[in-house]
Amino acid sequence: MIYGMKTTIDRAGRLVVPKPIRDAAGIVAGAELEIRVSDGRIEIEPAPLEVRLVKRGRLTVAVPRRSVPALTEDIVRETVDRLRRRGGGSE
């Protein structure tokens, strides 16, 4: 688990998020992020994927509003493993 790392902000206001933190958070180049201030702290997290609900037969499914890479078995497995290590996954 990564607890924290130091970085700097350049004159243009850009912040470099260290690679180990990007990797741990699953943030990739071009990812949309939400940033906010709460109790004097800056919080940054991946923006939720915007979806629309579409009726397909008897089911209603969530369809992304923008193109996203296909969800692979490897991505699902890595996500489940990461959540279990954090204690957030169901067995």
N, C-alpha and C. Protein backbone atom coordinates (compact mmCIF):
# COMPACT_ATOMS: atom_id res chain seq x y z
N MET A 1 0.85 -1.18 0.00
CA MET A 1 0.00 0.00 0.00
C MET A 1 0.89 1.24 0.00
N ILE A 2 0.52 2.21 -0.78
CA ILE A 2 1.27 3.45 -0.87
C ILE A 2 0.57 4.48 0.01
N TYR A 3 1.30 5.04 0.97
CA TYR A 3 0.70 6.01 1.87
C TYR A 3 0.88 7.44 1.41
N GLY A 4 1.94 7.74 0.69
CA GLY A 4 2.14 9.09 0.22
C GLY A 4 3.51 9.26 -0.39
N MET A 5 3.62 10.20 -1.30
CA MET A 5 4.87 10.53 -1.95
C MET A 5 4.87 12.03 -2.15
N LYS A 6 6.04 12.61 -2.29
CA LYS A 6 6.13 14.05 -2.53
C LYS A 6 6.25 14.33 -4.02
N THR A 7 5.69 15.46 -4.43
CA THR A 7 5.80 15.94 -5.80
C THR A 7 5.74 17.46 -5.74
N THR A 8 5.87 18.11 -6.87
CA THR A 8 5.81 19.57 -6.91
C THR A 8 4.84 20.01 -7.99
N ILE A 9 4.43 21.26 -7.88
CA ILE A 9 3.57 21.87 -8.90
C ILE A 9 4.44 22.87 -9.65
N ASP A 10 4.38 22.84 -11.01
CA ASP A 10 5.20 23.78 -11.77
C ASP A 10 4.51 25.14 -11.87
N ARG A 11 5.16 26.09 -12.51
CA ARG A 11 4.62 27.46 -12.59
C ARG A 11 3.28 27.52 -13.32
N ALA A 12 3.04 26.56 -14.21
CA ALA A 12 1.77 26.53 -14.94
C ALA A 12 0.66 25.88 -14.12
N GLY A 13 0.98 25.41 -12.91
CA GLY A 13 -0.02 24.79 -12.05
C GLY A 13 -0.18 23.30 -12.28
N ARG A 14 0.72 22.71 -13.07
CA ARG A 14 0.62 21.27 -13.35
C ARG A 14 1.24 20.46 -12.22
N LEU A 15 0.61 19.36 -11.94
CA LEU A 15 1.05 18.47 -10.88
C LEU A 15 1.38 17.13 -11.50
N VAL A 16 2.55 16.60 -11.19
CA VAL A 16 2.91 15.26 -11.65
C VAL A 16 2.54 14.27 -10.55
N VAL A 17 1.67 13.33 -10.88
CA VAL A 17 1.31 12.27 -9.93
C VAL A 17 2.31 11.13 -10.15
N PRO A 18 3.09 10.78 -9.13
CA PRO A 18 4.10 9.73 -9.30
C PRO A 18 3.50 8.42 -9.81
N LYS A 19 4.27 7.74 -10.66
CA LYS A 19 3.79 6.51 -11.30
C LYS A 19 3.26 5.47 -10.32
N PRO A 20 3.95 5.19 -9.20
CA PRO A 20 3.40 4.18 -8.28
C PRO A 20 1.99 4.54 -7.79
N ILE A 21 1.73 5.83 -7.60
CA ILE A 21 0.40 6.25 -7.15
C ILE A 21 -0.61 6.12 -8.29
N ARG A 22 -0.20 6.53 -9.51
CA ARG A 22 -1.10 6.37 -10.68
C ARG A 22 -1.45 4.90 -10.86
N ASP A 23 -0.44 4.04 -10.77
CA ASP A 23 -0.68 2.60 -10.94
C ASP A 23 -1.62 2.06 -9.86
N ALA A 24 -1.38 2.45 -8.62
CA ALA A 24 -2.22 1.96 -7.51
C ALA A 24 -3.66 2.43 -7.65
N ALA A 25 -3.86 3.63 -8.23
CA ALA A 25 -5.21 4.18 -8.39
C ALA A 25 -5.84 3.79 -9.72
N GLY A 26 -5.07 3.13 -10.59
CA GLY A 26 -5.60 2.74 -11.90
C GLY A 26 -5.80 3.93 -12.83
N ILE A 27 -4.98 4.97 -12.67
CA ILE A 27 -5.09 6.17 -13.50
C ILE A 27 -4.12 6.05 -14.67
N VAL A 28 -4.64 6.21 -15.89
CA VAL A 28 -3.81 6.13 -17.09
C VAL A 28 -3.81 7.49 -17.80
N ALA A 29 -2.87 7.67 -18.71
CA ALA A 29 -2.78 8.92 -19.47
C ALA A 29 -4.11 9.21 -20.15
N GLY A 30 -4.54 10.44 -20.05
CA GLY A 30 -5.80 10.85 -20.68
C GLY A 30 -7.03 10.61 -19.83
N ALA A 31 -6.86 9.98 -18.67
CA ALA A 31 -8.01 9.70 -17.80
C ALA A 31 -8.59 11.00 -17.27
N GLU A 32 -9.91 11.08 -17.21
CA GLU A 32 -10.57 12.24 -16.61
C GLU A 32 -10.56 12.07 -15.09
N LEU A 33 -10.24 13.17 -14.41
CA LEU A 33 -10.16 13.15 -12.95
C LEU A 33 -11.08 14.20 -12.36
N GLU A 34 -11.56 13.94 -11.16
CA GLU A 34 -12.30 14.94 -10.39
C GLU A 34 -11.35 15.45 -9.32
N ILE A 35 -11.34 16.75 -9.12
CA ILE A 35 -10.48 17.35 -8.10
C ILE A 35 -11.32 18.30 -7.27
N ARG A 36 -11.13 18.27 -5.96
CA ARG A 36 -11.92 19.12 -5.06
C ARG A 36 -11.11 19.40 -3.80
N VAL A 37 -11.54 20.40 -3.09
CA VAL A 37 -10.93 20.74 -1.81
C VAL A 37 -11.93 20.40 -0.72
N SER A 38 -11.46 19.71 0.31
CA SER A 38 -12.32 19.32 1.43
C SER A 38 -11.52 19.44 2.71
N ASP A 39 -11.97 20.29 3.62
CA ASP A 39 -11.30 20.48 4.91
C ASP A 39 -9.81 20.79 4.74
N GLY A 40 -9.48 21.64 3.76
CA GLY A 40 -8.10 22.03 3.54
C GLY A 40 -7.24 21.01 2.81
N ARG A 41 -7.85 19.93 2.35
CA ARG A 41 -7.12 18.89 1.63
C ARG A 41 -7.56 18.88 0.18
N ILE A 42 -6.64 18.62 -0.73
CA ILE A 42 -6.97 18.46 -2.14
C ILE A 42 -7.21 16.98 -2.38
N GLU A 43 -8.36 16.65 -2.94
CA GLU A 43 -8.69 15.25 -3.24
C GLU A 43 -8.81 15.08 -4.74
N ILE A 44 -8.15 14.06 -5.27
CA ILE A 44 -8.18 13.76 -6.70
C ILE A 44 -8.59 12.30 -6.84
N GLU A 45 -9.55 12.04 -7.73
CA GLU A 45 -9.95 10.66 -7.99
C GLU A 45 -10.45 10.53 -9.42
N PRO A 46 -10.41 9.30 -9.96
CA PRO A 46 -10.92 9.11 -11.31
C PRO A 46 -12.37 9.55 -11.39
N ALA A 47 -12.72 10.25 -12.48
CA ALA A 47 -14.11 10.68 -12.67
C ALA A 47 -14.96 9.46 -13.01
N PRO A 48 -16.18 9.41 -12.51
CA PRO A 48 -17.04 8.28 -12.84
C PRO A 48 -17.36 8.28 -14.34
N LEU A 49 -17.53 7.11 -14.89
CA LEU A 49 -17.88 6.96 -16.30
C LEU A 49 -19.35 7.34 -16.49
N GLU A 50 -19.59 8.29 -17.36
CA GLU A 50 -20.98 8.69 -17.63
C GLU A 50 -21.63 7.63 -18.53
N VAL A 51 -22.81 7.20 -18.13
CA VAL A 51 -23.53 6.17 -18.89
C VAL A 51 -24.96 6.61 -19.13
N ARG A 52 -25.59 5.94 -20.08
CA ARG A 52 -27.03 6.11 -20.29
C ARG A 52 -27.64 4.72 -20.18
N LEU A 53 -28.87 4.67 -19.71
CA LEU A 53 -29.55 3.39 -19.55
C LEU A 53 -30.33 3.08 -20.82
N VAL A 54 -30.13 1.87 -21.33
CA VAL A 54 -30.76 1.45 -22.59
C VAL A 54 -31.49 0.13 -22.34
N LYS A 55 -32.70 0.05 -22.84
CA LYS A 55 -33.49 -1.18 -22.71
C LYS A 55 -33.06 -2.15 -23.81
N ARG A 56 -32.65 -3.34 -23.42
CA ARG A 56 -32.29 -4.40 -24.38
C ARG A 56 -33.09 -5.64 -24.01
N GLY A 57 -34.18 -5.82 -24.73
CA GLY A 57 -35.08 -6.92 -24.39
C GLY A 57 -35.71 -6.66 -23.04
N ARG A 58 -35.61 -7.63 -22.14
CA ARG A 58 -36.17 -7.46 -20.80
C ARG A 58 -35.20 -6.78 -19.85
N LEU A 59 -33.97 -6.56 -20.30
CA LEU A 59 -32.95 -5.98 -19.45
C LEU A 59 -32.74 -4.50 -19.73
N THR A 60 -32.31 -3.79 -18.72
CA THR A 60 -31.84 -2.42 -18.89
C THR A 60 -30.35 -2.44 -18.62
N VAL A 61 -29.56 -1.93 -19.56
CA VAL A 61 -28.11 -1.97 -19.43
C VAL A 61 -27.54 -0.56 -19.45
N ALA A 62 -26.40 -0.38 -18.80
CA ALA A 62 -25.69 0.90 -18.79
C ALA A 62 -24.72 0.92 -19.96
N VAL A 63 -24.84 1.92 -20.82
CA VAL A 63 -23.99 2.06 -22.00
C VAL A 63 -23.16 3.34 -21.83
N PRO A 64 -21.83 3.25 -21.94
CA PRO A 64 -20.99 4.44 -21.79
C PRO A 64 -21.35 5.51 -22.82
N ARG A 65 -21.30 6.77 -22.41
CA ARG A 65 -21.59 7.89 -23.31
C ARG A 65 -20.42 8.18 -24.24
N ARG A 66 -19.24 7.68 -23.92
CA ARG A 66 -18.09 7.84 -24.81
C ARG A 66 -17.43 6.48 -24.97
N SER A 67 -16.61 6.37 -26.00
CA SER A 67 -15.93 5.12 -26.28
C SER A 67 -14.93 4.79 -25.18
N VAL A 68 -14.95 3.57 -24.71
CA VAL A 68 -14.01 3.10 -23.68
C VAL A 68 -13.45 1.76 -24.13
N PRO A 69 -12.24 1.42 -23.67
CA PRO A 69 -11.67 0.11 -24.03
C PRO A 69 -12.55 -1.02 -23.51
N ALA A 70 -12.51 -2.13 -24.22
CA ALA A 70 -13.28 -3.30 -23.81
C ALA A 70 -12.81 -3.80 -22.45
N LEU A 71 -13.75 -4.26 -21.64
CA LEU A 71 -13.44 -4.82 -20.33
C LEU A 71 -13.00 -6.27 -20.55
N THR A 72 -11.76 -6.57 -20.21
CA THR A 72 -11.23 -7.91 -20.42
C THR A 72 -11.27 -8.73 -19.14
N GLU A 73 -11.12 -10.02 -19.30
CA GLU A 73 -11.07 -10.91 -18.14
C GLU A 73 -9.91 -10.55 -17.21
N ASP A 74 -8.77 -10.16 -17.80
CA ASP A 74 -7.61 -9.78 -16.99
C ASP A 74 -7.90 -8.54 -16.15
N ILE A 75 -8.56 -7.54 -16.74
CA ILE A 75 -8.90 -6.32 -16.00
C ILE A 75 -9.84 -6.64 -14.84
N VAL A 76 -10.83 -7.49 -15.09
CA VAL A 76 -11.77 -7.87 -14.03
C VAL A 76 -11.03 -8.59 -12.92
N ARG A 77 -10.17 -9.52 -13.27
CA ARG A 77 -9.42 -10.29 -12.27
C ARG A 77 -8.52 -9.36 -11.44
N GLU A 78 -7.80 -8.45 -12.10
CA GLU A 78 -6.93 -7.52 -11.38
C GLU A 78 -7.73 -6.62 -10.43
N THR A 79 -8.90 -6.17 -10.89
CA THR A 79 -9.74 -5.31 -10.06
C THR A 79 -10.26 -6.06 -8.84
N VAL A 80 -10.73 -7.27 -9.05
CA VAL A 80 -11.23 -8.08 -7.93
C VAL A 80 -10.10 -8.35 -6.94
N ASP A 81 -8.92 -8.70 -7.44
CA ASP A 81 -7.78 -8.95 -6.55
C ASP A 81 -7.42 -7.71 -5.75
N ARG A 82 -7.41 -6.53 -6.41
CA ARG A 82 -7.07 -5.28 -5.72
C ARG A 82 -8.10 -4.97 -4.64
N LEU A 83 -9.38 -5.17 -4.94
CA LEU A 83 -10.43 -4.90 -3.95
C LEU A 83 -10.34 -5.87 -2.78
N ARG A 84 -10.03 -7.11 -3.05
CA ARG A 84 -9.90 -8.08 -1.96
C ARG A 84 -8.73 -7.75 -1.04
N ARG A 85 -7.62 -7.28 -1.63
CA ARG A 85 -6.46 -6.89 -0.82
C ARG A 85 -6.82 -5.71 0.09
N ARG A 86 -7.68 -4.81 -0.39
CA ARG A 86 -8.12 -3.65 0.40
C ARG A 86 -9.19 -4.04 1.41
N GLY A 87 -9.78 -5.22 1.25
CA GLY A 87 -10.86 -5.63 2.12
C GLY A 87 -12.21 -5.17 1.63
N GLY A 88 -12.29 -4.74 0.36
CA GLY A 88 -13.55 -4.22 -0.17
C GLY A 88 -14.28 -5.17 -1.08
N GLY A 89 -13.72 -6.35 -1.32
CA GLY A 89 -14.36 -7.30 -2.23
C GLY A 89 -15.12 -8.38 -1.48
N SER A 90 -16.07 -8.97 -2.14
CA SER A 90 -16.80 -10.08 -1.52
C SER A 90 -16.19 -11.38 -1.95
N GLU A 91 -16.12 -12.32 -1.07
CA GLU A 91 -15.50 -13.61 -1.34
C GLU A 91 -16.47 -14.53 -2.03
